[in-house]
Amino acid sequence: MAPTAFRRTLTLAPLAVLGLQGCATGPSPEGLRLLREPQVSGVSASLRGLSAVDGQIAWASGSGGTVLRTLDGGATWERIPTPPGAEERDLRDVEAFDAERALVLAVDAPARIWHTADGGAHWELVLDDATEGAFLDAMAFLDPERGFVWGDPVGTDPRSFLAFATSNGGRSWSRVRNLTEPLPGEAGFAASGTCVAALEGHVFLATGGGPEARVLHTPAGGRDWTPATTPLQAGAPSKGIFSLAFRDADAGVAVGGDYEAPDDTTGCAAWTDDAGASWHPPEEGMGPSGYRSGVAFCAQAGVFFAVGRNGSDVSIDDGRTWRRFDDRPCQAIAFARGALEGWAVGAGGTIDRLRFVPASLDDDANAPSDG
């Protein structure tokens, strides 16, 4: 059973008042309340990988070869057998398709991805790249078959981003070699497994560490990449874009900042409404409350939710303004497809369930409660 010592709620006023539009996949509720409730993971690992399949099934991954799965909405979390050879690896990303099929990613050399088709009872090593300096940051899928994984630049004269693509659900991968040339010091961040986004035939990649924080975009699933500069912090290895999330192929947000200065609120987010061709900062004084390592979009509620070391923020206007939610630290977040539910994970085995419910279910709108 989930602990009850902490519960945080935030009311999203009636949609007509807030301008929150109902999505095409479901009816528009008249008002929503966002609830955050901790769950028992049974582990102490640092969790950064997260994939929400639906309101009942989710997978998480992290340090020490940790892989977790819930089949009951998080009432119980099961420790999945570690992929062979991953016992000491940091599994920074997981991509799950259902209760049985999933991929997990070990970031540093040798860069590896394992695939399971039976809920982790057996794992197959499907990518094993020993390129010197290899470091994979994140993976994302356009659909159950077509996916993309990318990592930091490798090689010399010239350096090139290390990236792979799959067209068979991750059972095999091929090298992608036509990415934009990296800037000096430019790389990706494996903070939450979400510095790559894929949807509606588009792939977006986020960078940091270089003189500019950029988003690389292709509308062709891997060809003809176009870079765009964002207003997020840049110019140091700790600065840049850490996570991307999109409402659709046109409207999305980027979050990040400086992980060495988590309370610095400057240059922590940007939004686009033209498929990443241009990026704009939030309204002055209305950005996230500091560095954010992960962001996700709940399509059913029309809400972006960003998490970081000093807490979380929500946006109901596609990143133009953000509202502080709480100070609970987390590292990654994901919402279930077609549902009003998701999870956030973090250090020390932290797992929180996030739920949007009708505002009328609870009259105590904005304060924490013990229950």
Protein backbone atom coordinates (compact mmCIF):
# COMPACT_ATOMS: atom_id res chain seq x y z
CA MET A 1 0.00 0.00 0.00
CA ALA A 2 1.24 3.50 -0.79
CA PRO A 3 2.42 5.58 2.18
CA THR A 4 0.02 8.27 3.34
CA ALA A 5 2.36 10.73 5.06
CA PHE A 6 2.59 12.89 1.99
CA ARG A 7 -0.07 13.98 -0.44
CA ARG A 8 0.00 17.06 -2.62
CA THR A 9 -2.86 18.46 -4.67
CA LEU A 10 -3.27 21.34 -7.06
CA THR A 11 -6.55 22.48 -8.51
CA LEU A 12 -6.69 23.38 -12.16
CA ALA A 13 -9.71 25.68 -12.30
CA PRO A 14 -12.49 25.11 -14.83
CA LEU A 15 -11.02 24.85 -18.28
CA ALA A 16 -12.91 27.84 -19.64
CA VAL A 17 -11.27 30.03 -17.00
CA LEU A 18 -7.73 28.74 -17.54
CA GLY A 19 -7.96 28.41 -21.29
CA LEU A 20 -7.12 24.70 -21.07
CA GLN A 21 -8.48 23.02 -24.16
CA GLY A 22 -9.82 19.49 -24.27
CA CYS A 23 -7.75 17.12 -26.39
CA ALA A 24 -8.97 15.20 -29.39
CA THR A 25 -8.62 11.87 -27.65
CA GLY A 26 -11.25 12.44 -24.98
CA PRO A 27 -13.95 14.71 -23.59
CA SER A 28 -13.06 18.00 -21.91
CA PRO A 29 -13.55 17.87 -18.12
CA GLU A 30 -14.95 20.98 -16.48
CA GLY A 31 -12.20 21.11 -13.84
CA LEU A 32 -9.25 19.01 -12.74
CA ARG A 33 -7.23 18.47 -9.61
CA LEU A 34 -3.69 17.09 -9.84
CA LEU A 35 -2.75 14.66 -7.07
CA ARG A 36 0.74 13.40 -6.31
CA GLU A 37 1.05 10.33 -4.11
CA PRO A 38 4.25 8.44 -3.18
CA GLN A 39 4.49 4.71 -3.79
CA VAL A 40 6.74 1.97 -2.41
CA SER A 41 9.42 0.92 -4.91
CA GLY A 42 11.24 -1.52 -2.66
CA VAL A 43 14.64 -0.30 -3.90
CA SER A 44 17.12 2.44 -3.04
CA ALA A 45 18.49 2.90 -6.56
CA SER A 46 18.64 6.22 -8.35
CA LEU A 47 15.80 5.95 -10.84
CA ARG A 48 16.00 7.93 -14.10
CA GLY A 49 14.34 5.70 -16.70
CA LEU A 50 10.53 5.69 -16.82
CA SER A 51 7.92 4.48 -19.30
CA ALA A 52 4.16 4.62 -18.63
CA VAL A 53 2.21 2.23 -20.85
CA ASP A 54 -1.25 2.97 -19.47
CA GLY A 55 -2.89 3.75 -16.15
CA GLN A 56 -1.94 0.35 -14.75
CA ILE A 57 1.36 -0.64 -16.41
CA ALA A 58 4.64 1.23 -16.05
CA TRP A 59 8.35 0.39 -16.06
CA ALA A 60 11.25 2.17 -14.33
CA SER A 61 15.02 1.71 -14.43
CA GLY A 62 18.12 3.06 -12.76
CA SER A 63 21.45 2.43 -11.09
CA GLY A 64 22.80 -0.99 -10.19
CA GLY A 65 21.00 -2.64 -13.11
CA THR A 66 17.63 -1.87 -11.54
CA VAL A 67 14.48 -2.59 -13.56
CA LEU A 68 11.02 -2.27 -11.99
CA ARG A 69 7.49 -2.89 -13.25
CA THR A 70 3.97 -2.33 -11.97
CA LEU A 71 0.86 -4.00 -13.36
CA ASP A 72 -1.62 -2.52 -10.88
CA GLY A 73 -1.18 1.24 -11.10
CA GLY A 74 1.73 1.25 -8.69
CA ALA A 75 0.01 -0.46 -5.76
CA THR A 76 2.93 -2.89 -6.04
CA TRP A 77 6.24 -2.59 -7.88
CA GLU A 78 8.13 -5.73 -8.89
CA ARG A 79 11.94 -5.91 -9.21
CA ILE A 80 12.56 -7.42 -12.66
CA PRO A 81 15.63 -9.65 -13.17
CA THR A 82 18.61 -7.57 -14.25
CA PRO A 83 19.78 -8.08 -17.85
CA PRO A 84 22.90 -10.28 -17.95
CA GLY A 85 26.00 -8.13 -17.67
CA ALA A 86 24.08 -5.09 -16.43
CA GLU A 87 24.46 -5.73 -12.70
CA GLU A 88 26.79 -2.74 -12.25
CA ARG A 89 25.35 -0.62 -15.06
CA ASP A 90 23.28 2.54 -14.82
CA LEU A 91 20.14 1.89 -16.87
CA ARG A 92 19.21 5.50 -17.63
CA ASP A 93 16.28 4.82 -19.96
CA VAL A 94 13.52 2.28 -20.45
CA GLU A 95 11.00 2.07 -23.29
CA ALA A 96 8.03 -0.23 -22.66
CA PHE A 97 5.38 -1.28 -25.15
CA ASP A 98 3.19 -3.38 -22.86
CA ALA A 99 3.47 -5.59 -19.77
CA GLU A 100 5.88 -7.97 -21.49
CA ARG A 101 7.94 -6.05 -24.07
CA ALA A 102 10.50 -3.45 -23.08
CA LEU A 103 13.99 -2.11 -23.79
CA VAL A 104 16.54 -0.81 -21.28
CA LEU A 105 19.56 1.35 -22.05
CA ALA A 106 23.00 1.36 -20.39
CA VAL A 107 24.60 4.66 -21.19
CA ASP A 108 28.39 4.48 -21.11
CA ALA A 109 30.88 2.31 -22.99
CA PRO A 110 30.18 -0.29 -23.99
CA ALA A 111 26.86 1.30 -24.88
CA ARG A 112 24.23 -1.42 -24.65
CA ILE A 113 20.50 -1.98 -25.09
CA TRP A 114 18.67 -5.11 -23.94
CA HIS A 115 15.24 -6.28 -25.12
CA THR A 116 12.71 -8.49 -23.34
CA ALA A 117 9.53 -10.03 -24.72
CA ASP A 118 8.49 -11.87 -21.56
CA GLY A 119 8.43 -9.30 -18.80
CA GLY A 120 12.14 -9.54 -18.05
CA ALA A 121 12.32 -13.29 -17.52
CA HIS A 122 14.78 -13.30 -20.41
CA TRP A 123 16.82 -10.45 -21.92
CA GLU A 124 18.50 -10.27 -25.31
CA LEU A 125 21.43 -7.93 -25.94
CA VAL A 126 20.34 -6.08 -29.10
CA LEU A 127 22.92 -3.26 -29.21
CA ASP A 128 26.52 -3.57 -28.06
CA ASP A 129 28.70 -0.68 -29.17
CA ALA A 130 32.27 -0.44 -27.90
CA THR A 131 33.13 2.80 -29.71
CA GLU A 132 35.67 4.71 -27.64
CA GLY A 133 33.90 7.40 -25.64
CA ALA A 134 30.43 6.03 -26.40
CA PHE A 135 27.72 7.45 -24.14
CA LEU A 136 24.06 7.01 -25.04
CA ASP A 137 21.61 9.55 -23.63
CA ALA A 138 18.06 8.48 -24.46
CA MET A 139 15.75 6.59 -26.79
CA ALA A 140 12.26 7.26 -28.13
CA PHE A 141 9.85 5.56 -30.52
CA LEU A 142 7.65 6.94 -33.27
CA ASP A 143 5.52 3.79 -33.07
CA PRO A 144 5.99 0.22 -31.75
CA GLU A 145 8.44 -0.55 -34.58
CA ARG A 146 10.39 2.63 -35.40
CA GLY A 147 12.70 4.00 -32.74
CA PHE A 148 15.75 6.17 -32.29
CA VAL A 149 18.58 6.27 -29.74
CA TRP A 150 21.22 8.93 -29.62
CA GLY A 151 24.30 9.81 -27.65
CA ASP A 152 27.25 12.10 -27.24
CA PRO A 153 29.73 12.83 -30.04
CA VAL A 154 32.52 10.33 -30.68
CA GLY A 155 35.61 10.23 -32.86
CA THR A 156 37.97 12.99 -33.96
CA ASP A 157 38.31 15.12 -37.06
CA PRO A 158 35.40 15.27 -37.35
CA ARG A 159 33.43 14.34 -34.27
CA SER A 160 29.92 13.05 -34.85
CA PHE A 161 26.93 12.26 -32.68
CA LEU A 162 26.53 8.56 -31.94
CA ALA A 163 23.02 7.57 -32.98
CA PHE A 164 21.12 4.43 -33.98
CA ALA A 165 17.71 3.63 -35.45
CA THR A 166 15.48 0.57 -35.41
CA SER A 167 12.55 -0.45 -37.59
CA ASN A 168 11.66 -3.70 -35.81
CA GLY A 169 10.79 -2.66 -32.26
CA GLY A 170 14.38 -2.50 -31.05
CA ARG A 171 15.38 -6.06 -31.85
CA SER A 172 18.18 -4.70 -34.07
CA TRP A 173 19.76 -1.28 -34.59
CA SER A 174 21.68 0.48 -37.39
CA ARG A 175 24.01 3.47 -37.13
CA VAL A 176 22.67 6.90 -38.17
CA ARG A 177 25.48 8.97 -39.63
CA ASN A 178 23.92 12.11 -41.13
CA LEU A 179 23.27 14.12 -37.97
CA THR A 180 24.16 17.78 -37.64
CA GLU A 181 27.85 18.36 -36.81
CA PRO A 182 28.26 18.99 -33.06
CA LEU A 183 29.47 22.31 -31.72
CA PRO A 184 32.56 22.35 -29.46
CA GLY A 185 31.63 20.76 -26.14
CA GLU A 186 28.11 19.91 -27.30
CA ALA A 187 26.51 16.67 -26.14
CA GLY A 188 23.30 15.31 -24.69
CA PHE A 189 22.11 14.76 -21.12
CA ALA A 190 21.06 11.35 -19.83
CA ALA A 191 19.34 12.83 -16.79
CA SER A 192 15.88 11.41 -17.48
CA GLY A 193 15.95 9.51 -20.76
CA THR A 194 13.93 12.30 -22.37
CA CYS A 195 16.37 14.48 -24.31
CA VAL A 196 14.95 12.86 -27.45
CA ALA A 197 11.28 13.05 -28.50
CA ALA A 198 9.57 11.24 -31.36
CA LEU A 199 6.01 11.64 -32.60
CA GLU A 200 3.95 11.96 -35.78
CA GLY A 201 6.97 11.17 -37.98
CA HIS A 202 9.17 13.82 -36.32
CA VAL A 203 12.26 13.30 -34.18
CA PHE A 204 13.71 16.02 -31.90
CA LEU A 205 17.08 15.87 -30.12
CA ALA A 206 18.16 18.23 -27.33
CA THR A 207 21.72 19.31 -26.61
CA GLY A 208 23.75 21.00 -23.92
CA GLY A 209 27.32 21.58 -22.84
CA GLY A 210 28.20 23.71 -25.85
CA PRO A 211 28.05 27.42 -26.65
CA GLU A 212 24.37 27.05 -27.58
CA ALA A 213 21.56 24.85 -26.26
CA ARG A 214 20.07 23.46 -29.45
CA VAL A 215 17.26 21.24 -30.68
CA LEU A 216 17.96 19.13 -33.76
CA HIS A 217 14.87 18.19 -35.76
CA THR A 218 14.00 15.92 -38.64
CA PRO A 219 10.52 15.53 -40.10
CA ALA A 220 11.65 12.42 -41.98
CA GLY A 221 12.48 10.04 -39.14
CA GLY A 222 16.24 10.43 -39.44
CA ARG A 223 17.05 12.41 -42.58
CA ASP A 224 17.63 16.13 -43.23
CA TRP A 225 18.35 17.34 -39.71
CA THR A 226 17.89 21.04 -38.92
CA PRO A 227 19.34 22.67 -35.77
CA ALA A 228 17.64 25.51 -33.88
CA THR A 229 19.08 27.59 -31.04
CA THR A 230 17.02 27.94 -27.86
CA PRO A 231 17.14 30.54 -25.05
CA LEU A 232 18.11 27.95 -22.42
CA GLN A 233 21.34 28.32 -20.50
CA ALA A 234 24.52 27.29 -22.36
CA GLY A 235 28.25 27.69 -22.34
CA ALA A 236 29.25 25.12 -19.69
CA PRO A 237 29.17 21.30 -19.38
CA SER A 238 26.40 21.53 -16.76
CA LYS A 239 24.09 23.76 -18.82
CA GLY A 240 21.62 23.10 -21.60
CA ILE A 241 18.43 21.25 -22.47
CA PHE A 242 17.76 18.13 -20.43
CA SER A 243 14.28 17.13 -21.58
CA LEU A 244 11.73 17.60 -24.37
CA ALA A 245 7.98 17.01 -24.52
CA PHE A 246 5.40 17.77 -27.19
CA ARG A 247 1.66 18.25 -27.42
CA ASP A 248 1.89 17.47 -31.15
CA ALA A 249 4.53 17.80 -33.85
CA ASP A 250 4.25 21.62 -33.74
CA ALA A 251 3.82 22.51 -30.07
CA GLY A 252 6.40 21.49 -27.51
CA VAL A 253 8.57 22.56 -24.60
CA ALA A 254 12.21 22.17 -23.63
CA VAL A 255 13.42 22.30 -20.03
CA GLY A 256 16.82 22.27 -18.37
CA GLY A 257 19.09 24.97 -17.05
CA ASP A 258 22.20 24.38 -14.93
CA TYR A 259 22.25 21.19 -12.85
CA GLU A 260 25.05 22.65 -10.73
CA ALA A 261 22.78 25.58 -9.80
CA PRO A 262 19.35 23.95 -9.34
CA ASP A 263 17.74 27.10 -7.87
CA ASP A 264 18.76 29.36 -10.74
CA THR A 265 15.51 30.20 -12.55
CA THR A 266 17.08 31.84 -15.62
CA GLY A 267 17.06 30.01 -18.94
CA CYS A 268 15.30 26.90 -17.67
CA ALA A 269 12.59 26.47 -20.32
CA ALA A 270 11.43 27.37 -23.82
CA TRP A 271 8.45 26.65 -26.05
CA THR A 272 7.86 26.18 -29.75
CA ASP A 273 4.73 26.23 -31.90
CA ASP A 274 6.40 25.68 -35.28
CA ALA A 275 7.89 22.18 -34.95
CA GLY A 276 11.07 23.44 -33.36
CA ALA A 277 12.03 25.96 -36.03
CA SER A 278 12.03 28.68 -33.34
CA TRP A 279 12.06 28.59 -29.54
CA HIS A 280 10.85 31.25 -27.11
CA PRO A 281 11.31 31.81 -23.35
CA PRO A 282 8.34 31.81 -20.97
CA GLU A 283 6.83 35.13 -20.01
CA GLU A 284 9.16 37.14 -17.77
CA GLY A 285 9.12 35.81 -14.23
CA MET A 286 6.82 32.94 -15.20
CA GLY A 287 9.32 30.16 -15.92
CA PRO A 288 9.99 27.00 -13.91
CA SER A 289 11.33 27.37 -10.37
CA GLY A 290 14.84 26.22 -11.29
CA TYR A 291 16.73 23.51 -13.14
CA ARG A 292 14.44 20.81 -14.52
CA SER A 293 15.68 17.37 -15.62
CA GLY A 294 12.41 16.00 -16.99
CA VAL A 295 9.18 17.16 -18.56
CA ALA A 296 6.13 15.29 -19.85
CA PHE A 297 2.80 16.16 -21.42
CA CYS A 298 -0.52 14.71 -20.24
CA ALA A 299 -2.62 14.78 -23.40
CA GLN A 300 -5.88 14.03 -21.61
CA ALA A 301 -5.45 17.08 -19.35
CA GLY A 302 -3.50 19.34 -21.72
CA VAL A 303 -0.84 19.93 -19.04
CA PHE A 304 2.98 19.93 -19.12
CA PHE A 305 4.62 18.80 -15.87
CA ALA A 306 8.35 19.39 -15.20
CA VAL A 307 10.45 17.90 -12.39
CA GLY A 308 13.86 18.64 -10.92
CA ARG A 309 16.04 18.67 -7.84
CA ASN A 310 14.16 21.45 -6.06
CA GLY A 311 10.61 20.49 -7.04
CA SER A 312 8.17 20.61 -9.91
CA ASP A 313 6.09 23.00 -12.01
CA VAL A 314 3.08 22.76 -14.30
CA SER A 315 2.10 24.67 -17.42
CA ILE A 316 -1.40 24.78 -18.87
CA ASP A 317 -0.54 27.08 -21.79
CA ASP A 318 2.09 25.07 -23.66
CA GLY A 319 5.05 26.49 -21.75
CA ARG A 320 4.25 30.22 -21.91
CA THR A 321 3.83 30.31 -18.12
CA TRP A 322 4.62 27.84 -15.34
CA ARG A 323 3.13 27.42 -11.88
CA ARG A 324 5.00 25.92 -8.94
CA PHE A 325 3.49 22.63 -7.79
CA ASP A 326 5.71 21.42 -4.92
CA ASP A 327 9.30 21.01 -3.72
CA ARG A 328 9.47 17.21 -3.98
CA PRO A 329 12.70 16.28 -5.85
CA CYS A 330 12.43 13.89 -8.78
CA GLN A 331 14.49 13.15 -11.88
CA ALA A 332 12.11 11.82 -14.54
CA ILE A 333 8.41 11.88 -15.35
CA ALA A 334 6.05 10.16 -17.78
CA PHE A 335 2.30 10.17 -18.34
CA ALA A 336 0.41 7.14 -19.58
CA ARG A 337 -0.86 7.29 -23.12
CA GLY A 338 -4.58 8.07 -23.25
CA ALA A 339 -4.92 8.39 -19.49
CA LEU A 340 -5.02 11.01 -16.76
CA GLU A 341 -2.27 9.22 -14.83
CA GLY A 342 1.50 9.03 -14.73
CA TRP A 343 4.54 8.66 -12.50
CA ALA A 344 7.65 10.55 -11.39
CA VAL A 345 10.84 8.85 -10.20
CA GLY A 346 14.05 9.93 -8.53
CA ALA A 347 16.92 9.21 -6.18
CA GLY A 348 16.64 6.68 -3.36
CA GLY A 349 14.02 4.63 -5.20
CA THR A 350 11.49 7.48 -5.21
CA ILE A 351 8.32 6.75 -7.17
CA ASP A 352 5.28 9.05 -7.09
CA ARG A 353 1.97 8.50 -8.83
CA LEU A 354 0.39 11.53 -10.50
CA ARG A 355 -3.35 11.62 -11.11
CA PHE A 356 -5.72 14.19 -12.58
CA VAL A 357 -9.15 13.86 -11.00
CA PRO A 358 -12.31 15.98 -11.10
CA ALA A 359 -11.81 19.02 -8.86
CA SER A 360 -15.15 18.37 -7.18
CA LEU A 361 -13.76 15.24 -5.53
CA ASP A 362 -11.80 17.23 -2.95
CA ASP A 363 -12.61 20.65 -1.54
CA ASP A 364 -9.13 21.26 -0.06
CA ALA A 365 -7.67 22.68 -3.22
CA ASN A 366 -4.09 23.65 -2.71
CA ALA A 367 -2.60 22.43 0.56
CA PRO A 368 -0.70 19.26 1.48
CA SER A 369 -2.60 16.85 3.69
CA ASP A 370 -1.95 13.72 5.76
CA GLY A 371 -4.35 11.30 4.14
